Structures are given as C-alpha cells and as structure tokens.
Amino acid sequence: AKYIVAEVDNKIVGYGGFWVVVDEGHITNIAVHPEYRSKGIGS
C-alpha cells in the first residue's frame, strides 16, 4: 500500500492511495474534503 495526503495550512484536505500488484497500481481511494473540492486538489 502507498498512500499520500494533500495538506493546506497544516490541515489534511484530501488523500489517495494505491496497492502495488507486480508492476500495476490499483488505486483504492481518492477523496477531497467537501470544503476543498473544485480547487484543483484532486488533480
């Protein structure tokens, strides 16, 4: 498992992760806090 977070002003506002399966990455989840959506954080 490989996971990252997106942080703004020391607050976590989003995250995402994937599982490494041989040479493929299976994205398990991506989410952005509702107050921070449509601000480019998902990108």
PDB file of all heavy atoms in Angstrom:
ATOM      1  N   ALA A   1       0.834  -1.209   0.000  1.00  0.00           N
ATOM      2  CA  ALA A   1       0.000   0.000   0.000  1.00  0.00           C
ATOM      3  C   ALA A   1       0.865   1.255   0.000  1.00  0.00           C
ATOM      4  O   ALA A   1       1.836   1.355   0.746  1.00  0.00           O
ATOM      5  CB  ALA A   1      -0.915   0.003   1.220  1.00  0.00           C
ATOM      6  N   LYS A   2       0.474   2.209  -0.850  1.00  0.00           N
ATOM      7  CA  LYS A   2       1.144   3.504  -0.946  1.00  0.00           C
ATOM      8  C   LYS A   2       0.068   4.583  -0.845  1.00  0.00           C
ATOM      9  O   LYS A   2      -0.829   4.639  -1.686  1.00  0.00           O
ATOM     10  CB  LYS A   2       1.887   3.651  -2.285  1.00  0.00           C
ATOM     11  CG  LYS A   2       2.832   2.517  -2.617  1.00  0.00           C
ATOM     12  CD  LYS A   2       4.032   2.502  -1.708  1.00  0.00           C
ATOM     13  CE  LYS A   2       4.965   1.356  -2.078  1.00  0.00           C
ATOM     14  NZ  LYS A   2       5.987   1.149  -1.086  1.00  0.00           N
ATOM     15  N   TYR A   3       0.164   5.431   0.191  1.00  0.00           N
ATOM     16  CA  TYR A   3      -0.849   6.469   0.414  1.00  0.00           C
ATOM     17  C   TYR A   3      -0.202   7.836   0.569  1.00  0.00           C
ATOM     18  O   TYR A   3       0.888   7.962   1.137  1.00  0.00           O
ATOM     19  CB  TYR A   3      -1.676   6.153   1.669  1.00  0.00           C
ATOM     20  CG  TYR A   3      -2.711   5.094   1.400  1.00  0.00           C
ATOM     21  CD1 TYR A   3      -2.367   3.754   1.420  1.00  0.00           C
ATOM     22  CD2 TYR A   3      -4.016   5.438   1.085  1.00  0.00           C
ATOM     23  CE1 TYR A   3      -3.309   2.771   1.144  1.00  0.00           C
ATOM     24  CE2 TYR A   3      -4.961   4.462   0.807  1.00  0.00           C
ATOM     25  CZ  TYR A   3      -4.601   3.137   0.842  1.00  0.00           C
ATOM     26  OH  TYR A   3      -5.525   2.174   0.554  1.00  0.00           O
ATOM     27  N   ILE A   4      -0.906   8.845   0.079  1.00  0.00           N
ATOM     28  CA  ILE A   4      -0.466  10.227   0.210  1.00  0.00           C
ATOM     29  C   ILE A   4      -1.613  11.070   0.751  1.00  0.00           C
ATOM     30  O   ILE A   4      -2.779  10.667   0.676  1.00  0.00           O
ATOM     31  CB  ILE A   4       0.021  10.804  -1.144  1.00  0.00           C
ATOM     32  CG1 ILE A   4      -1.102  10.754  -2.196  1.00  0.00           C
ATOM     33  CG2 ILE A   4       1.278  10.091  -1.617  1.00  0.00           C
ATOM     34  CD1 ILE A   4      -0.739  11.421  -3.526  1.00  0.00           C
ATOM     35  N   VAL A   5      -1.252  12.228   1.281  1.00  0.00           N
ATOM     36  CA  VAL A   5      -2.258  13.200   1.710  1.00  0.00           C
ATOM     37  C   VAL A   5      -1.958  14.535   1.043  1.00  0.00           C
ATOM     38  O   VAL A   5      -0.825  14.814   0.655  1.00  0.00           O
ATOM     39  CB  VAL A   5      -2.301  13.380   3.249  1.00  0.00           C
ATOM     40  CG1 VAL A   5      -2.761  12.106   3.936  1.00  0.00           C
ATOM     41  CG2 VAL A   5      -0.976  13.867   3.799  1.00  0.00           C
ATOM     42  N   ALA A   6      -3.010  15.335   0.926  1.00  0.00           N
ATOM     43  CA  ALA A   6      -2.890  16.722   0.474  1.00  0.00           C
ATOM     44  C   ALA A   6      -3.141  17.585   1.700  1.00  0.00           C
ATOM     45  O   ALA A   6      -4.140  17.407   2.408  1.00  0.00           O
ATOM     46  CB  ALA A   6      -3.912  17.025  -0.612  1.00  0.00           C
ATOM     47  N   GLU A   7      -2.215  18.511   1.925  1.00  0.00           N
ATOM     48  CA  GLU A   7      -2.272  19.339   3.118  1.00  0.00           C
ATOM     49  C   GLU A   7      -2.297  20.816   2.731  1.00  0.00           C
ATOM     50  O   GLU A   7      -1.558  21.241   1.845  1.00  0.00           O
ATOM     51  CB  GLU A   7      -1.007  19.033   3.932  1.00  0.00           C
ATOM     52  CG  GLU A   7      -1.063  19.337   5.377  1.00  0.00           C
ATOM     53  CD  GLU A   7       0.204  18.846   6.082  1.00  0.00           C
ATOM     54  OE1 GLU A   7       1.315  19.282   5.721  1.00  0.00           O
ATOM     55  OE2 GLU A   7       0.062  18.023   6.990  1.00  0.00           O
ATOM     56  N   VAL A   8      -3.182  21.573   3.381  1.00  0.00           N
ATOM     57  CA  VAL A   8      -3.248  23.025   3.209  1.00  0.00           C
ATOM     58  C   VAL A   8      -3.239  23.642   4.601  1.00  0.00           C
ATOM     59  O   VAL A   8      -4.082  23.295   5.444  1.00  0.00           O
ATOM     60  CB  VAL A   8      -4.534  23.446   2.445  1.00  0.00           C
ATOM     61  CG1 VAL A   8      -4.682  24.957   2.418  1.00  0.00           C
ATOM     62  CG2 VAL A   8      -4.548  22.876   1.039  1.00  0.00           C
ATOM     63  N   ASP A   9      -2.285  24.522   4.853  1.00  0.00           N
ATOM     64  CA  ASP A   9      -2.184  25.180   6.162  1.00  0.00           C
ATOM     65  C   ASP A   9      -2.194  24.174   7.317  1.00  0.00           C
ATOM     66  O   ASP A   9      -2.933  24.330   8.285  1.00  0.00           O
ATOM     67  CB  ASP A   9      -3.297  26.212   6.347  1.00  0.00           C
ATOM     68  CG  ASP A   9      -3.212  27.335   5.331  1.00  0.00           C
ATOM     69  OD1 ASP A   9      -2.074  27.688   4.938  1.00  0.00           O
ATOM     70  OD2 ASP A   9      -4.277  27.854   4.932  1.00  0.00           O
ATOM     71  N   ASN A  10      -1.408  23.101   7.168  1.00  0.00           N
ATOM     72  CA  ASN A  10      -1.275  22.044   8.187  1.00  0.00           C
ATOM     73  C   ASN A  10      -2.564  21.273   8.445  1.00  0.00           C
ATOM     74  O   ASN A  10      -2.703  20.626   9.476  1.00  0.00           O
ATOM     75  CB  ASN A  10      -0.733  22.609   9.512  1.00  0.00           C
ATOM     76  CG  ASN A  10       0.668  23.141   9.359  1.00  0.00           C
ATOM     77  OD1 ASN A  10       1.520  22.491   8.764  1.00  0.00           O
ATOM     78  ND2 ASN A  10       0.905  24.336   9.863  1.00  0.00           N
ATOM     79  N   LYS A  11      -3.505  21.336   7.518  1.00  0.00           N
ATOM     80  CA  LYS A  11      -4.754  20.569   7.620  1.00  0.00           C
ATOM     81  C   LYS A  11      -4.826  19.623   6.435  1.00  0.00           C
ATOM     82  O   LYS A  11      -4.598  20.032   5.287  1.00  0.00           O
ATOM     83  CB  LYS A  11      -5.958  21.518   7.604  1.00  0.00           C
ATOM     84  CG  LYS A  11      -7.277  20.788   7.599  1.00  0.00           C
ATOM     85  CD  LYS A  11      -8.448  21.744   7.479  1.00  0.00           C
ATOM     86  CE  LYS A  11      -9.696  20.928   7.233  1.00  0.00           C
ATOM     87  NZ  LYS A  11     -10.821  21.312   7.991  1.00  0.00           N
ATOM     88  N   ILE A  12      -5.143  18.363   6.710  1.00  0.00           N
ATOM     89  CA  ILE A  12      -5.301  17.395   5.631  1.00  0.00           C
ATOM     90  C   ILE A  12      -6.645  17.649   4.967  1.00  0.00           C
ATOM     91  O   ILE A  12      -7.688  17.656   5.621  1.00  0.00           O
ATOM     92  CB  ILE A  12      -5.180  15.959   6.155  1.00  0.00           C
ATOM     93  CG1 ILE A  12      -3.758  15.737   6.644  1.00  0.00           C
ATOM     94  CG2 ILE A  12      -5.541  14.943   5.063  1.00  0.00           C
ATOM     95  CD1 ILE A  12      -3.520  14.451   7.357  1.00  0.00           C
ATOM     96  N   VAL A  13      -6.600  17.873   3.653  1.00  0.00           N
ATOM     97  CA  VAL A  13      -7.809  18.212   2.908  1.00  0.00           C
ATOM     98  C   VAL A  13      -8.139  17.159   1.850  1.00  0.00           C
ATOM     99  O   VAL A  13      -9.176  17.252   1.193  1.00  0.00           O
ATOM    100  CB  VAL A  13      -7.697  19.610   2.265  1.00  0.00           C
ATOM    101  CG1 VAL A  13      -7.535  20.672   3.352  1.00  0.00           C
ATOM    102  CG2 VAL A  13      -6.554  19.675   1.269  1.00  0.00           C
ATOM    103  N   GLY A  14      -7.278  16.173   1.696  1.00  0.00           N
ATOM    104  CA  GLY A  14      -7.541  15.107   0.739  1.00  0.00           C
ATOM    105  C   GLY A  14      -6.501  14.017   0.873  1.00  0.00           C
ATOM    106  O   GLY A  14      -5.480  14.180   1.552  1.00  0.00           O
ATOM    107  N   TYR A  15      -6.770  12.892   0.235  1.00  0.00           N
ATOM    108  CA  TYR A  15      -5.838  11.767   0.294  1.00  0.00           C
ATOM    109  C   TYR A  15      -6.113  10.831  -0.878  1.00  0.00           C
ATOM    110  O   TYR A  15      -7.144  10.915  -1.554  1.00  0.00           O
ATOM    111  CB  TYR A  15      -5.974  10.999   1.617  1.00  0.00           C
ATOM    112  CG  TYR A  15      -7.313  10.329   1.746  1.00  0.00           C
ATOM    113  CD1 TYR A  15      -7.495   9.014   1.342  1.00  0.00           C
ATOM    114  CD2 TYR A  15      -8.406  11.030   2.229  1.00  0.00           C
ATOM    115  CE1 TYR A  15      -8.745   8.421   1.426  1.00  0.00           C
ATOM    116  CE2 TYR A  15      -9.646  10.451   2.315  1.00  0.00           C
ATOM    117  CZ  TYR A  15      -9.806   9.137   1.910  1.00  0.00           C
ATOM    118  OH  TYR A  15     -11.044   8.560   1.973  1.00  0.00           O
ATOM    119  N   GLY A  16      -5.183   9.954  -1.104  1.00  0.00           N
ATOM    120  CA  GLY A  16      -5.344   8.932  -2.126  1.00  0.00           C
ATOM    121  C   GLY A  16      -4.339   7.826  -1.893  1.00  0.00           C
ATOM    122  O   GLY A  16      -3.334   8.016  -1.198  1.00  0.00           O
ATOM    123  N   GLY A  17      -4.627   6.683  -2.475  1.00  0.00           N
ATOM    124  CA  GLY A  17      -3.703   5.571  -2.308  1.00  0.00           C
ATOM    125  C   GLY A  17      -3.880   4.510  -3.367  1.00  0.00           C
ATOM    126  O   GLY A  17      -4.869   4.495  -4.101  1.00  0.00           O
ATOM    127  N   PHE A  18      -2.883   3.655  -3.450  1.00  0.00           N
ATOM    128  CA  PHE A  18      -2.962   2.512  -4.363  1.00  0.00           C
ATOM    129  C   PHE A  18      -2.203   1.337  -3.784  1.00  0.00           C
ATOM    130  O   PHE A  18      -1.384   1.485  -2.877  1.00  0.00           O
ATOM    131  CB  PHE A  18      -2.440   2.874  -5.765  1.00  0.00           C
ATOM    132  CG  PHE A  18      -0.988   3.233  -5.852  1.00  0.00           C
ATOM    133  CD1 PHE A  18      -0.011   2.268  -6.046  1.00  0.00           C
ATOM    134  CD2 PHE A  18      -0.581   4.559  -5.761  1.00  0.00           C
ATOM    135  CE1 PHE A  18       1.330   2.611  -6.138  1.00  0.00           C
ATOM    136  CE2 PHE A  18       0.751   4.917  -5.859  1.00  0.00           C
ATOM    137  CZ  PHE A  18       1.723   3.927  -6.045  1.00  0.00           C
ATOM    138  N   TRP A  19      -2.522   0.171  -4.315  1.00  0.00           N
ATOM    139  CA  TRP A  19      -1.809  -1.058  -3.983  1.00  0.00           C
ATOM    140  C   TRP A  19      -0.902  -1.403  -5.153  1.00  0.00           C
ATOM    141  O   TRP A  19      -1.315  -1.335  -6.315  1.00  0.00           O
ATOM    142  CB  TRP A  19      -2.760  -2.214  -3.753  1.00  0.00           C
ATOM    143  CG  TRP A  19      -3.620  -2.073  -2.525  1.00  0.00           C
ATOM    144  CD1 TRP A  19      -3.313  -1.412  -1.373  1.00  0.00           C
ATOM    145  CD2 TRP A  19      -4.923  -2.612  -2.344  1.00  0.00           C
ATOM    146  NE1 TRP A  19      -4.346  -1.502  -0.484  1.00  0.00           N
ATOM    147  CE2 TRP A  19      -5.351  -2.247  -1.052  1.00  0.00           C
ATOM    148  CE3 TRP A  19      -5.772  -3.379  -3.131  1.00  0.00           C
ATOM    149  CZ2 TRP A  19      -6.585  -2.621  -0.542  1.00  0.00           C
ATOM    150  CZ3 TRP A  19      -6.998  -3.747  -2.616  1.00  0.00           C
ATOM    151  CH2 TRP A  19      -7.396  -3.369  -1.337  1.00  0.00           C
ATOM    152  N   VAL A  20       0.317  -1.785  -4.858  1.00  0.00           N
ATOM    153  CA  VAL A  20       1.248  -2.259  -5.867  1.00  0.00           C
ATOM    154  C   VAL A  20       0.989  -3.749  -6.070  1.00  0.00           C
ATOM    155  O   VAL A  20       1.098  -4.534  -5.128  1.00  0.00           O
ATOM    156  CB  VAL A  20       2.714  -2.026  -5.441  1.00  0.00           C
ATOM    157  CG1 VAL A  20       3.672  -2.598  -6.476  1.00  0.00           C
ATOM    158  CG2 VAL A  20       2.977  -0.548  -5.204  1.00  0.00           C
ATOM    159  N   VAL A  21       0.617  -4.114  -7.300  1.00  0.00           N
ATOM    160  CA  VAL A  21       0.402  -5.517  -7.654  1.00  0.00           C
ATOM    161  C   VAL A  21       1.321  -5.803  -8.838  1.00  0.00           C
ATOM    162  O   VAL A  21       1.010  -5.437  -9.970  1.00  0.00           O
ATOM    163  CB  VAL A  21      -1.079  -5.791  -8.010  1.00  0.00           C
ATOM    164  CG1 VAL A  21      -1.283  -7.264  -8.321  1.00  0.00           C
ATOM    165  CG2 VAL A  21      -2.004  -5.336  -6.891  1.00  0.00           C
ATOM    166  N   VAL A  22       2.473  -6.400  -8.545  1.00  0.00           N
ATOM    167  CA  VAL A  22       3.556  -6.644  -9.500  1.00  0.00           C
ATOM    168  C   VAL A  22       3.983  -5.306 -10.103  1.00  0.00           C
ATOM    169  O   VAL A  22       4.585  -4.506  -9.416  1.00  0.00           O
ATOM    170  CB  VAL A  22       3.161  -7.706 -10.554  1.00  0.00           C
ATOM    171  CG1 VAL A  22       4.372  -8.091 -11.412  1.00  0.00           C
ATOM    172  CG2 VAL A  22       2.586  -8.961  -9.894  1.00  0.00           C
ATOM    173  N   ASP A  23       3.627  -5.022 -11.362  1.00  0.00           N
ATOM    174  CA  ASP A  23       4.013  -3.741 -11.972  1.00  0.00           C
ATOM    175  C   ASP A  23       2.802  -2.854 -12.245  1.00  0.00           C
ATOM    176  O   ASP A  23       2.860  -1.933 -13.036  1.00  0.00           O
ATOM    177  CB  ASP A  23       4.815  -3.969 -13.252  1.00  0.00           C
ATOM    178  CG  ASP A  23       4.032  -4.698 -14.325  1.00  0.00           C
ATOM    179  OD1 ASP A  23       2.945  -5.241 -14.016  1.00  0.00           O
ATOM    180  OD2 ASP A  23       4.491  -4.735 -15.476  1.00  0.00           O
ATOM    181  N   GLU A  24       1.693  -3.138 -11.565  1.00  0.00           N
ATOM    182  CA  GLU A  24       0.479  -2.336 -11.720  1.00  0.00           C
ATOM    183  C   GLU A  24       0.128  -1.663 -10.396  1.00  0.00           C
ATOM    184  O   GLU A  24       0.436  -2.178  -9.324  1.00  0.00           O
ATOM    185  CB  GLU A  24      -0.701  -3.212 -12.151  1.00  0.00           C
ATOM    186  CG  GLU A  24      -0.524  -3.819 -13.516  1.00  0.00           C
ATOM    187  CD  GLU A  24      -1.644  -4.774 -13.896  1.00  0.00           C
ATOM    188  OE1 GLU A  24      -2.521  -5.064 -13.066  1.00  0.00           O
ATOM    189  OE2 GLU A  24      -1.610  -5.237 -15.041  1.00  0.00           O
ATOM    190  N   GLY A  25      -0.517  -0.508 -10.500  1.00  0.00           N
ATOM    191  CA  GLY A  25      -1.019   0.187  -9.326  1.00  0.00           C
ATOM    192  C   GLY A  25      -2.539   0.189  -9.358  1.00  0.00           C
ATOM    193  O   GLY A  25      -3.140   0.653 -10.319  1.00  0.00           O
ATOM    194  N   HIS A  26      -3.152  -0.380  -8.324  1.00  0.00           N
ATOM    195  CA  HIS A  26      -4.617  -0.387  -8.225  1.00  0.00           C
ATOM    196  C   HIS A  26      -5.017   0.707  -7.243  1.00  0.00           C
ATOM    197  O   HIS A  26      -4.807   0.573  -6.036  1.00  0.00           O
ATOM    198  CB  HIS A  26      -5.118  -1.751  -7.744  1.00  0.00           C
ATOM    199  CG  HIS A  26      -6.607  -1.827  -7.694  1.00  0.00           C
ATOM    200  ND1 HIS A  26      -7.348  -2.557  -8.566  1.00  0.00           N
ATOM    201  CD2 HIS A  26      -7.490  -1.205  -6.887  1.00  0.00           C
ATOM    202  CE1 HIS A  26      -8.634  -2.404  -8.285  1.00  0.00           C
ATOM    203  NE2 HIS A  26      -8.740  -1.580  -7.264  1.00  0.00           N
ATOM    204  N   ILE A  27      -5.573   1.800  -7.762  1.00  0.00           N
ATOM    205  CA  ILE A  27      -5.987   2.915  -6.908  1.00  0.00           C
ATOM    206  C   ILE A  27      -7.167   2.455  -6.054  1.00  0.00           C
ATOM    207  O   ILE A  27      -8.181   1.990  -6.565  1.00  0.00           O
ATOM    208  CB  ILE A  27      -6.325   4.161  -7.745  1.00  0.00           C
ATOM    209  CG1 ILE A  27      -5.056   4.673  -8.454  1.00  0.00           C
ATOM    210  CG2 ILE A  27      -6.938   5.250  -6.859  1.00  0.00           C
ATOM    211  CD1 ILE A  27      -5.271   5.851  -9.374  1.00  0.00           C
ATOM    212  N   THR A  28      -6.996   2.579  -4.747  1.00  0.00           N
ATOM    213  CA  THR A  28      -8.017   2.118  -3.808  1.00  0.00           C
ATOM    214  C   THR A  28      -9.019   3.204  -3.474  1.00  0.00           C
ATOM    215  O   THR A  28     -10.207   2.945  -3.361  1.00  0.00           O
ATOM    216  CB  THR A  28      -7.361   1.625  -2.504  1.00  0.00           C
ATOM    217  OG1 THR A  28      -6.525   2.669  -1.990  1.00  0.00           O
ATOM    218  CG2 THR A  28      -6.532   0.377  -2.753  1.00  0.00           C
ATOM    219  N   ASN A  29      -8.517   4.424  -3.260  1.00  0.00           N
ATOM    220  CA  ASN A  29      -9.420   5.524  -2.934  1.00  0.00           C
ATOM    221  C   ASN A  29      -8.735   6.873  -3.124  1.00  0.00           C
ATOM    222  O   ASN A  29      -7.524   6.995  -2.999  1.00  0.00           O
ATOM    223  CB  ASN A  29      -9.987   5.409  -1.511  1.00  0.00           C
ATOM    224  CG  ASN A  29      -8.973   4.971  -0.491  1.00  0.00           C
ATOM    225  OD1 ASN A  29      -7.778   5.074  -0.679  1.00  0.00           O
ATOM    226  ND2 ASN A  29      -9.454   4.468   0.621  1.00  0.00           N
ATOM    227  N   ILE A  30      -9.565   7.825  -3.456  1.00  0.00           N
ATOM    228  CA  ILE A  30      -9.160   9.226  -3.573  1.00  0.00           C
ATOM    229  C   ILE A  30     -10.339  10.036  -3.044  1.00  0.00           C
ATOM    230  O   ILE A  30     -11.485   9.775  -3.422  1.00  0.00           O
ATOM    231  CB  ILE A  30      -8.894   9.633  -5.036  1.00  0.00           C
ATOM    232  CG1 ILE A  30      -7.712   8.865  -5.604  1.00  0.00           C
ATOM    233  CG2 ILE A  30      -8.664  11.137  -5.139  1.00  0.00           C
ATOM    234  CD1 ILE A  30      -7.489   9.115  -7.080  1.00  0.00           C
ATOM    235  N   ALA A  31     -10.052  10.989  -2.182  1.00  0.00           N
ATOM    236  CA  ALA A  31     -11.136  11.833  -1.672  1.00  0.00           C
ATOM    237  C   ALA A  31     -10.582  13.204  -1.288  1.00  0.00           C
ATOM    238  O   ALA A  31      -9.441  13.323  -0.857  1.00  0.00           O
ATOM    239  CB  ALA A  31     -11.820  11.188  -0.470  1.00  0.00           C
ATOM    240  N   VAL A  32     -11.434  14.195  -1.442  1.00  0.00           N
ATOM    241  CA  VAL A  32     -11.120  15.568  -1.054  1.00  0.00           C
ATOM    242  C   VAL A  32     -12.235  16.045  -0.128  1.00  0.00           C
ATOM    243  O   VAL A  32     -13.419  15.793  -0.383  1.00  0.00           O
ATOM    244  CB  VAL A  32     -11.007  16.483  -2.301  1.00  0.00           C
ATOM    245  CG1 VAL A  32     -10.798  17.931  -1.890  1.00  0.00           C
ATOM    246  CG2 VAL A  32      -9.880  16.015  -3.210  1.00  0.00           C
ATOM    247  N   HIS A  33     -11.850  16.720   0.945  1.00  0.00           N
ATOM    248  CA  HIS A  33     -12.831  17.266   1.879  1.00  0.00           C
ATOM    249  C   HIS A  33     -13.820  18.143   1.104  1.00  0.00           C
ATOM    250  O   HIS A  33     -13.408  18.937   0.252  1.00  0.00           O
ATOM    251  CB  HIS A  33     -12.113  18.094   2.949  1.00  0.00           C
ATOM    252  CG  HIS A  33     -12.983  18.462   4.097  1.00  0.00           C
ATOM    253  ND1 HIS A  33     -13.981  19.408   4.005  1.00  0.00           N
ATOM    254  CD2 HIS A  33     -13.026  17.994   5.367  1.00  0.00           C
ATOM    255  CE1 HIS A  33     -14.591  19.513   5.166  1.00  0.00           C
ATOM    256  NE2 HIS A  33     -14.033  18.669   6.007  1.00  0.00           N
ATOM    257  N   PRO A  34     -15.121  18.029   1.385  1.00  0.00           N
ATOM    258  CA  PRO A  34     -16.122  18.802   0.635  1.00  0.00           C
ATOM    259  C   PRO A  34     -15.843  20.304   0.574  1.00  0.00           C
ATOM    260  O   PRO A  34     -16.113  20.944  -0.446  1.00  0.00           O
ATOM    261  CB  PRO A  34     -17.429  18.521   1.384  1.00  0.00           C
ATOM    262  CG  PRO A  34     -17.227  17.188   2.023  1.00  0.00           C
ATOM    263  CD  PRO A  34     -15.752  17.125   2.359  1.00  0.00           C
ATOM    264  N   GLU A  35     -15.279  20.890   1.626  1.00  0.00           N
ATOM    265  CA  GLU A  35     -14.993  22.327   1.635  1.00  0.00           C
ATOM    266  C   GLU A  35     -13.851  22.714   0.700  1.00  0.00           C
ATOM    267  O   GLU A  35     -13.661  23.892   0.411  1.00  0.00           O
ATOM    268  CB  GLU A  35     -14.664  22.782   3.059  1.00  0.00           C
ATOM    269  CG  GLU A  35     -15.837  22.702   4.009  1.00  0.00           C
ATOM    270  CD  GLU A  35     -15.443  23.038   5.451  1.00  0.00           C
ATOM    271  OE1 GLU A  35     -14.336  23.579   5.676  1.00  0.00           O
ATOM    272  OE2 GLU A  35     -16.262  22.749   6.343  1.00  0.00           O
ATOM    273  N   TYR A  36     -13.093  21.723   0.225  1.00  0.00           N
ATOM    274  CA  TYR A  36     -11.926  22.000  -0.616  1.00  0.00           C
ATOM    275  C   TYR A  36     -12.070  21.455  -2.038  1.00  0.00           C
ATOM    276  O   TYR A  36     -11.115  21.476  -2.800  1.00  0.00           O
ATOM    277  CB  TYR A  36     -10.661  21.442   0.044  1.00  0.00           C
ATOM    278  CG  TYR A  36     -10.263  22.212   1.271  1.00  0.00           C
ATOM    279  CD1 TYR A  36     -10.828  21.923   2.511  1.00  0.00           C
ATOM    280  CD2 TYR A  36      -9.350  23.252   1.190  1.00  0.00           C
ATOM    281  CE1 TYR A  36     -10.475  22.645   3.643  1.00  0.00           C
ATOM    282  CE2 TYR A  36      -8.987  23.979   2.309  1.00  0.00           C
ATOM    283  CZ  TYR A  36      -9.555  23.673   3.531  1.00  0.00           C
ATOM    284  OH  TYR A  36      -9.206  24.391   4.649  1.00  0.00           O
ATOM    285  N   ARG A  37     -13.251  20.969  -2.381  1.00  0.00           N
ATOM    286  CA  ARG A  37     -13.462  20.439  -3.726  1.00  0.00           C
ATOM    287  C   ARG A  37     -13.508  21.567  -4.751  1.00  0.00           C
ATOM    288  O   ARG A  37     -13.771  22.721  -4.422  1.00  0.00           O
ATOM    289  CB  ARG A  37     -14.742  19.610  -3.766  1.00  0.00           C
ATOM    290  CG  ARG A  37     -14.588  18.331  -2.970  1.00  0.00           C
ATOM    291  CD  ARG A  37     -15.787  17.446  -2.998  1.00  0.00           C
ATOM    292  NE  ARG A  37     -15.567  16.321  -2.081  1.00  0.00           N
ATOM    293  CZ  ARG A  37     -16.526  15.623  -1.532  1.00  0.00           C
ATOM    294  NH1 ARG A  37     -17.791  15.883  -1.818  1.00  0.00           N
ATOM    295  NH2 ARG A  37     -16.229  14.633  -0.706  1.00  0.00           N
ATOM    296  N   SER A  38     -13.230  21.221  -5.994  1.00  0.00           N
ATOM    297  CA  SER A  38     -13.221  22.162  -7.123  1.00  0.00           C
ATOM    298  C   SER A  38     -12.150  23.246  -6.967  1.00  0.00           C
ATOM    299  O   SER A  38     -12.317  24.361  -7.443  1.00  0.00           O
ATOM    300  CB  SER A  38     -14.604  22.807  -7.311  1.00  0.00           C
ATOM    301  OG  SER A  38     -15.566  21.810  -7.558  1.00  0.00           O
ATOM    302  N   LYS A  39     -11.056  22.896  -6.300  1.00  0.00           N
ATOM    303  CA  LYS A  39      -9.943  23.832  -6.120  1.00  0.00           C
ATOM    304  C   LYS A  39      -8.635  23.244  -6.658  1.00  0.00           C
ATOM    305  O   LYS A  39      -7.558  23.748  -6.355  1.00  0.00           O
ATOM    306  CB  LYS A  39      -9.791  24.187  -4.639  1.00  0.00           C
ATOM    307  CG  LYS A  39     -11.000  24.889  -4.047  1.00  0.00           C
ATOM    308  CD  LYS A  39     -10.795  25.208  -2.581  1.00  0.00           C
ATOM    309  CE  LYS A  39     -12.013  25.772  -1.897  1.00  0.00           C
ATOM    310  NZ  LYS A  39     -12.619  26.919  -2.487  1.00  0.00           N
ATOM    311  N   GLY A  40      -8.722  22.154  -7.419  1.00  0.00           N
ATOM    312  CA  GLY A  40      -7.531  21.553  -8.007  1.00  0.00           C
ATOM    313  C   GLY A  40      -6.815  20.551  -7.119  1.00  0.00           C
ATOM    314  O   GLY A  40      -5.765  20.031  -7.495  1.00  0.00           O
ATOM    315  N   ILE A  41      -7.366  20.265  -5.948  1.00  0.00           N
ATOM    316  CA  ILE A  41      -6.691  19.347  -5.026  1.00  0.00           C
ATOM    317  C   ILE A  41      -6.762  17.911  -5.531  1.00  0.00           C
ATOM    318  O   ILE A  41      -5.785  17.167  -5.421  1.00  0.00           O
ATOM    319  CB  ILE A  41      -7.254  19.501  -3.605  1.00  0.00           C
ATOM    320  CG1 ILE A  41      -6.858  20.892  -3.092  1.00  0.00           C
ATOM    321  CG2 ILE A  41      -6.745  18.398  -2.684  1.00  0.00           C
ATOM    322  CD1 ILE A  41      -7.519  21.335  -1.841  1.00  0.00           C
ATOM    323  N   GLY A  42      -7.880  17.526  -6.134  1.00  0.00           N
ATOM    324  CA  GLY A  42      -7.972  16.182  -6.724  1.00  0.00           C
ATOM    325  C   GLY A  42      -6.902  15.983  -7.787  1.00  0.00           C
ATOM    326  O   GLY A  42      -6.290  14.909  -7.875  1.00  0.00           O
ATOM    327  N   SER A  43      -6.644  17.011  -8.565  1.00  0.00           N
ATOM    328  CA  SER A  43      -5.587  16.942  -9.584  1.00  0.00           C
ATOM    329  C   SER A  43      -4.220  16.767  -8.941  1.00  0.00           C
ATOM    330  O   SER A  43      -3.398  15.973  -9.407  1.00  0.00           O
ATOM    331  CB  SER A  43      -5.588  18.202 -10.451  1.00  0.00           C
ATOM    332  OG  SER A  43      -6.755  18.240 -11.251  1.00  0.00           O
TER     333      SER A  43
END
